[in-house]
Amino acid sequence: MTAWARRRTPLLGPFGVRVLFWLLVELWLLNIADLLLTRYSLWLGFAKESNGVMGYFFRSGTVPAIAFKLGIVTVGALLLWRLRHYRTALFAAALLTGIFAAVVAYQAFWVLSF
């Protein structure tokens, strides 16, 4: 990266880095909630996994599904943490956390409605 690009890249301050950390923790916890709610609704027969990749892992067993889902989100969170000094990482973490929160809320209300 050139010196000009480094000067022009918006950086996060200490407060932004702390916010990013807690967003990534929340993202990881929401991922676990999504996994548990999905597994529960599949076990009850209320739902069918529409994600082809996760469907493959759930058909392979619960342990491979857990390993894949936790692994992929952990790698993504670690990559965002590696980029923690950039505002784009904070934006991406906020967007992903919001999407996961919406998915988990939808699943929770849907499962509880039965």
Protein backbone atom coordinates (compact mmCIF):
# COMPACT_ATOMS: atom_id res chain seq x y z
CA MET A 1 0.00 0.00 0.00
CA THR A 2 1.37 3.41 -0.89
CA ALA A 3 1.89 6.18 1.61
CA TRP A 4 -0.91 8.16 -0.06
CA ALA A 5 -3.36 5.25 0.34
CA ARG A 6 -2.42 4.84 3.99
CA ARG A 7 -3.15 8.51 4.66
CA ARG A 8 -6.51 8.28 2.87
CA THR A 9 -7.74 5.08 4.58
CA PRO A 10 -10.19 5.91 7.38
CA LEU A 11 -8.98 4.31 10.59
CA LEU A 12 -10.83 3.36 13.75
CA GLY A 13 -9.92 4.80 17.10
CA PRO A 14 -9.80 2.84 20.38
CA PHE A 15 -13.57 3.19 20.89
CA GLY A 16 -14.27 1.80 17.41
CA VAL A 17 -11.99 -1.16 18.04
CA ARG A 18 -13.87 -1.96 21.27
CA VAL A 19 -17.20 -1.72 19.43
CA LEU A 20 -15.88 -4.02 16.72
CA PHE A 21 -14.75 -6.55 19.34
CA TRP A 22 -18.18 -6.68 20.98
CA LEU A 23 -19.94 -6.86 17.61
CA LEU A 24 -17.81 -9.87 16.70
CA VAL A 25 -18.57 -11.53 20.04
CA GLU A 26 -22.28 -10.90 19.46
CA LEU A 27 -22.00 -12.21 15.90
CA TRP A 28 -20.43 -15.42 17.18
CA LEU A 29 -23.12 -15.87 19.87
CA LEU A 30 -25.89 -15.19 17.35
CA ASN A 31 -24.30 -17.81 15.09
CA ILE A 32 -24.59 -20.34 17.91
CA ALA A 33 -28.21 -19.34 18.51
CA ASP A 34 -28.93 -19.73 14.78
CA LEU A 35 -27.33 -23.16 14.79
CA LEU A 36 -29.30 -24.32 17.85
CA LEU A 37 -32.62 -22.96 16.57
CA THR A 38 -32.06 -24.51 13.15
CA ARG A 39 -31.13 -27.86 14.64
CA TYR A 40 -34.15 -27.76 16.96
CA SER A 41 -36.61 -26.90 14.18
CA LEU A 42 -35.12 -29.62 11.96
CA TRP A 43 -35.39 -32.12 14.82
CA LEU A 44 -39.04 -31.20 15.35
CA GLY A 45 -39.69 -31.54 11.63
CA PHE A 46 -40.93 -27.94 11.39
CA ALA A 47 -38.36 -26.86 8.86
CA LYS A 48 -36.13 -27.94 6.03
CA GLU A 49 -32.62 -26.51 5.64
CA SER A 50 -32.73 -24.31 2.56
CA ASN A 51 -28.99 -23.58 2.54
CA GLY A 52 -27.49 -26.34 0.41
CA VAL A 53 -24.10 -26.27 2.11
CA MET A 54 -25.53 -26.48 5.63
CA GLY A 55 -28.05 -29.07 4.42
CA TYR A 56 -25.13 -31.26 3.35
CA PHE A 57 -23.45 -30.90 6.74
CA PHE A 58 -26.68 -31.55 8.67
CA ARG A 59 -27.24 -34.70 6.59
CA SER A 60 -23.67 -35.73 7.49
CA GLY A 61 -24.46 -35.31 11.17
CA THR A 62 -24.75 -32.72 13.90
CA VAL A 63 -21.04 -32.65 14.74
CA PRO A 64 -19.91 -31.83 11.17
CA ALA A 65 -22.61 -29.14 10.95
CA ILE A 66 -21.48 -27.58 14.23
CA ALA A 67 -17.81 -27.74 13.22
CA PHE A 68 -18.44 -26.15 9.84
CA LYS A 69 -20.80 -23.41 11.04
CA LEU A 70 -18.69 -22.40 14.02
CA GLY A 71 -15.51 -22.70 11.99
CA ILE A 72 -16.61 -20.54 9.10
CA VAL A 73 -17.95 -17.74 11.32
CA THR A 74 -14.88 -17.91 13.57
CA VAL A 75 -12.57 -17.54 10.56
CA GLY A 76 -14.66 -14.62 9.28
CA ALA A 77 -14.64 -12.92 12.68
CA LEU A 78 -10.88 -13.39 12.97
CA LEU A 79 -10.38 -11.88 9.52
CA LEU A 80 -12.49 -8.87 10.48
CA TRP A 81 -10.52 -8.56 13.72
CA ARG A 82 -7.29 -8.65 11.72
CA LEU A 83 -8.64 -5.64 9.78
CA ARG A 84 -9.78 -3.96 13.00
CA HIS A 85 -8.10 -0.63 12.30
CA TYR A 86 -10.30 0.05 9.26
CA ARG A 87 -13.82 1.44 9.33
CA THR A 88 -14.88 -1.05 6.69
CA ALA A 89 -14.36 -3.89 9.19
CA LEU A 90 -16.67 -2.15 11.66
CA PHE A 91 -19.28 -1.61 8.95
CA ALA A 92 -19.08 -5.26 7.84
CA ALA A 93 -19.33 -6.53 11.42
CA ALA A 94 -22.34 -4.30 12.13
CA LEU A 95 -24.06 -5.43 8.92
CA LEU A 96 -23.43 -9.14 9.56
CA THR A 97 -24.48 -8.87 13.20
CA GLY A 98 -27.69 -7.12 12.17
CA ILE A 99 -28.47 -9.79 9.59
CA PHE A 100 -27.80 -12.61 12.07
CA ALA A 101 -29.92 -10.83 14.70
CA ALA A 102 -32.82 -10.59 12.24
CA VAL A 103 -32.48 -14.26 11.26
CA VAL A 104 -32.33 -15.42 14.89
CA ALA A 105 -35.31 -13.24 15.86
CA TYR A 106 -37.32 -14.62 12.93
CA GLN A 107 -36.40 -18.21 13.83
CA ALA A 108 -37.14 -17.71 17.52
CA PHE A 109 -40.59 -16.23 16.86
CA TRP A 110 -41.34 -18.91 14.26
CA VAL A 111 -40.29 -21.81 16.51
CA LEU A 112 -42.13 -20.36 19.51
CA SER A 113 -45.32 -19.95 17.48
CA PHE A 114 -45.79 -23.73 17.34
